[in-house]
Each structure stands twice: as structure tokens, then as C-alpha cells.
Amino acid sequence: MRRALRASEPDIRGLVKVPDYFARMVKQAGLPHIRLHDARPTFATLLLEQGVAAKVAQTILGHGSIAMTLDTYRHVSSELEKQAAKRLEAAFTGRVL
């Protein structure tokens, strides 16, 4: 038996929870499972991994400064630095990556 709602409580029965809705949309799109909470950082990481300039990523993400973007996604920056070093080495040695 359900308890009666108080006048100050909204009646949310039957409403769809946003994370549940998001999970259904991800599944319908055939994408790998990801929590709604992880969508933004995943998006940002993918932007940077695809070579989008950090300044562009900052603008898209709405960060107030480039430092915020670079500090938050430092782990991506270090991986990109390794990739850049490999490309530079290949350029100097004539090897193809």
C-alpha cells in the first residue's frame, strides 16, 4: 500500500528518470554502455584524442579557461604528448607509423 502524498510533494509517479532514458537511447543507437554521468568527460576525451585543439574543446565544453580544460583532461594530454613524440621521431628517422 502506498502512502499518501503530502501537498508539498510533487507526484513523480510515471515520470521517466533521465539516466534511464539516456541508457535506452544509447542502447537503441547501438553504442557501448555508458552512464549519463560519464558522457561529458567521455565526449571531451574523444574530442582531444581526435586531435581537436584544446582551445576548441574548451569553447565547446564551456570551460572558462584553457587551463581548466587542460587540467581536467591532463591524462589525455600526456597520451597525446607520447603520440606527438612518436610522430616527431618518425619524421626524423623517415619511418612510417
C-alpha atoms as a PDB file:
ATOM      1  CA  MET A   1       0.000   0.000   0.000  1.00  0.00           C
ATOM      2  CA  ARG A   2       1.367   3.391  -0.988  1.00  0.00           C
ATOM      3  CA  ARG A   3       1.450   6.211   1.469  1.00  0.00           C
ATOM      4  CA  ALA A   4      -0.498   9.327   0.588  1.00  0.00           C
ATOM      5  CA  LEU A   5       1.399  12.235  -0.940  1.00  0.00           C
ATOM      6  CA  ARG A   6       1.705  15.389   1.070  1.00  0.00           C
ATOM      7  CA  ALA A   7       0.543  18.594  -0.599  1.00  0.00           C
ATOM      8  CA  SER A   8       4.180  19.807  -0.775  1.00  0.00           C
ATOM      9  CA  GLU A   9       5.397  16.676  -2.587  1.00  0.00           C
ATOM     10  CA  PRO A  10       5.296  16.524  -6.377  1.00  0.00           C
ATOM     11  CA  ASP A  11       3.674  13.457  -7.906  1.00  0.00           C
ATOM     12  CA  ILE A  12       6.507  11.932  -9.920  1.00  0.00           C
ATOM     13  CA  ARG A  13       4.963   8.515 -10.464  1.00  0.00           C
ATOM     14  CA  GLY A  14       5.166   7.531 -14.093  1.00  0.00           C
ATOM     15  CA  LEU A  15       7.880  10.045 -14.951  1.00  0.00           C
ATOM     16  CA  VAL A  16      10.910   8.713 -16.775  1.00  0.00           C
ATOM     17  CA  LYS A  17      14.209   9.110 -14.972  1.00  0.00           C
ATOM     18  CA  VAL A  18      16.746  10.894 -17.162  1.00  0.00           C
ATOM     19  CA  PRO A  19      19.549   8.326 -16.629  1.00  0.00           C
ATOM     20  CA  ASP A  20      17.153   5.519 -17.594  1.00  0.00           C
ATOM     21  CA  TYR A  21      16.052   7.423 -20.694  1.00  0.00           C
ATOM     22  CA  PHE A  22      19.690   8.092 -21.615  1.00  0.00           C
ATOM     23  CA  ALA A  23      20.566   4.396 -21.213  1.00  0.00           C
ATOM     24  CA  ARG A  24      17.703   3.406 -23.543  1.00  0.00           C
ATOM     25  CA  MET A  25      18.808   5.946 -26.171  1.00  0.00           C
ATOM     26  CA  VAL A  26      22.408   4.703 -26.011  1.00  0.00           C
ATOM     27  CA  LYS A  27      21.228   1.111 -26.408  1.00  0.00           C
ATOM     28  CA  GLN A  28      18.893   1.989 -29.302  1.00  0.00           C
ATOM     29  CA  ALA A  29      21.750   3.784 -31.046  1.00  0.00           C
ATOM     30  CA  GLY A  30      23.852   0.633 -30.768  1.00  0.00           C
ATOM     31  CA  LEU A  31      26.535   2.374 -28.726  1.00  0.00           C
ATOM     32  CA  PRO A  32      28.539   0.793 -25.926  1.00  0.00           C
ATOM     33  CA  HIS A  33      27.053   1.212 -22.457  1.00  0.00           C
ATOM     34  CA  ILE A  34      27.959   4.497 -20.798  1.00  0.00           C
ATOM     35  CA  ARG A  35      26.449   6.183 -17.773  1.00  0.00           C
ATOM     36  CA  LEU A  36      24.964   9.643 -18.245  1.00  0.00           C
ATOM     37  CA  HIS A  37      27.384  10.857 -15.575  1.00  0.00           C
ATOM     38  CA  ASP A  38      30.301   9.792 -17.807  1.00  0.00           C
ATOM     39  CA  ALA A  39      29.004  11.208 -21.095  1.00  0.00           C
ATOM     40  CA  ARG A  40      30.556  14.675 -20.815  1.00  0.00           C
ATOM     41  CA  PRO A  41      34.076  13.570 -19.839  1.00  0.00           C
ATOM     42  CA  THR A  42      33.940  10.847 -22.485  1.00  0.00           C
ATOM     43  CA  PHE A  43      32.940  13.435 -25.085  1.00  0.00           C
ATOM     44  CA  ALA A  44      35.786  15.722 -24.018  1.00  0.00           C
ATOM     45  CA  THR A  45      38.315  12.891 -24.071  1.00  0.00           C
ATOM     46  CA  LEU A  46      37.196  11.829 -27.558  1.00  0.00           C
ATOM     47  CA  LEU A  47      37.478  15.411 -28.806  1.00  0.00           C
ATOM     48  CA  LEU A  48      41.070  15.669 -27.647  1.00  0.00           C
ATOM     49  CA  GLU A  49      42.017  12.164 -28.813  1.00  0.00           C
ATOM     50  CA  GLN A  50      40.704  13.016 -32.280  1.00  0.00           C
ATOM     51  CA  GLY A  51      43.110  15.936 -32.466  1.00  0.00           C
ATOM     52  CA  VAL A  52      40.652  18.740 -31.805  1.00  0.00           C
ATOM     53  CA  ALA A  53      42.637  21.693 -30.475  1.00  0.00           C
ATOM     54  CA  ALA A  54      42.360  22.154 -26.717  1.00  0.00           C
ATOM     55  CA  LYS A  55      41.145  25.731 -27.251  1.00  0.00           C
ATOM     56  CA  VAL A  56      38.296  24.464 -29.434  1.00  0.00           C
ATOM     57  CA  ALA A  57      37.454  21.784 -26.850  1.00  0.00           C
ATOM     58  CA  GLN A  58      37.441  24.479 -24.168  1.00  0.00           C
ATOM     59  CA  THR A  59      34.908  26.507 -26.117  1.00  0.00           C
ATOM     60  CA  ILE A  60      32.660  23.521 -26.845  1.00  0.00           C
ATOM     61  CA  LEU A  61      32.755  22.385 -23.210  1.00  0.00           C
ATOM     62  CA  GLY A  62      32.107  25.887 -21.911  1.00  0.00           C
ATOM     63  CA  HIS A  63      35.181  25.989 -19.689  1.00  0.00           C
ATOM     64  CA  GLY A  64      36.135  29.476 -18.548  1.00  0.00           C
ATOM     65  CA  SER A  65      39.797  28.957 -19.344  1.00  0.00           C
ATOM     66  CA  ILE A  66      42.067  26.706 -21.329  1.00  0.00           C
ATOM     67  CA  ALA A  67      43.750  25.799 -18.031  1.00  0.00           C
ATOM     68  CA  MET A  68      40.506  24.238 -16.801  1.00  0.00           C
ATOM     69  CA  THR A  69      40.300  22.016 -19.875  1.00  0.00           C
ATOM     70  CA  LEU A  70      43.956  21.017 -19.795  1.00  0.00           C
ATOM     71  CA  ASP A  71      43.982  20.397 -16.029  1.00  0.00           C
ATOM     72  CA  THR A  72      40.799  18.333 -16.156  1.00  0.00           C
ATOM     73  CA  TYR A  73      41.923  16.199 -19.090  1.00  0.00           C
ATOM     74  CA  ARG A  74      45.639  16.032 -18.254  1.00  0.00           C
ATOM     75  CA  HIS A  75      45.629  12.251 -18.741  1.00  0.00           C
ATOM     76  CA  VAL A  76      44.639  12.795 -22.373  1.00  0.00           C
ATOM     77  CA  SER A  77      47.323  15.445 -22.793  1.00  0.00           C
ATOM     78  CA  SER A  78      50.069  13.087 -21.633  1.00  0.00           C
ATOM     79  CA  GLU A  79      48.911  10.406 -24.091  1.00  0.00           C
ATOM     80  CA  LEU A  80      48.809  12.984 -26.898  1.00  0.00           C
ATOM     81  CA  GLU A  81      52.332  14.057 -25.963  1.00  0.00           C
ATOM     82  CA  LYS A  82      53.518  10.452 -26.380  1.00  0.00           C
ATOM     83  CA  GLN A  83      51.829  10.284 -29.791  1.00  0.00           C
ATOM     84  CA  ALA A  84      53.408  13.588 -30.824  1.00  0.00           C
ATOM     85  CA  ALA A  85      56.846  12.332 -29.784  1.00  0.00           C
ATOM     86  CA  LYS A  86      56.358   9.183 -31.878  1.00  0.00           C
ATOM     87  CA  ARG A  87      55.322  11.270 -34.899  1.00  0.00           C
ATOM     88  CA  LEU A  88      58.313  13.544 -34.485  1.00  0.00           C
ATOM     89  CA  GLU A  89      60.639  10.562 -34.188  1.00  0.00           C
ATOM     90  CA  ALA A  90      59.110   9.077 -37.347  1.00  0.00           C
ATOM     91  CA  ALA A  91      59.617  12.373 -39.177  1.00  0.00           C
ATOM     92  CA  PHE A  92      63.301  12.493 -38.212  1.00  0.00           C
ATOM     93  CA  THR A  93      64.015   8.849 -38.902  1.00  0.00           C
ATOM     94  CA  GLY A  94      61.910   8.506 -42.027  1.00  0.00           C
ATOM     95  CA  ARG A  95      59.912   5.647 -40.543  1.00  0.00           C
ATOM     96  CA  VAL A  96      56.239   5.266 -41.271  1.00  0.00           C
ATOM     97  CA  LEU A  97      53.932   4.953 -38.278  1.00  0.00           C
END
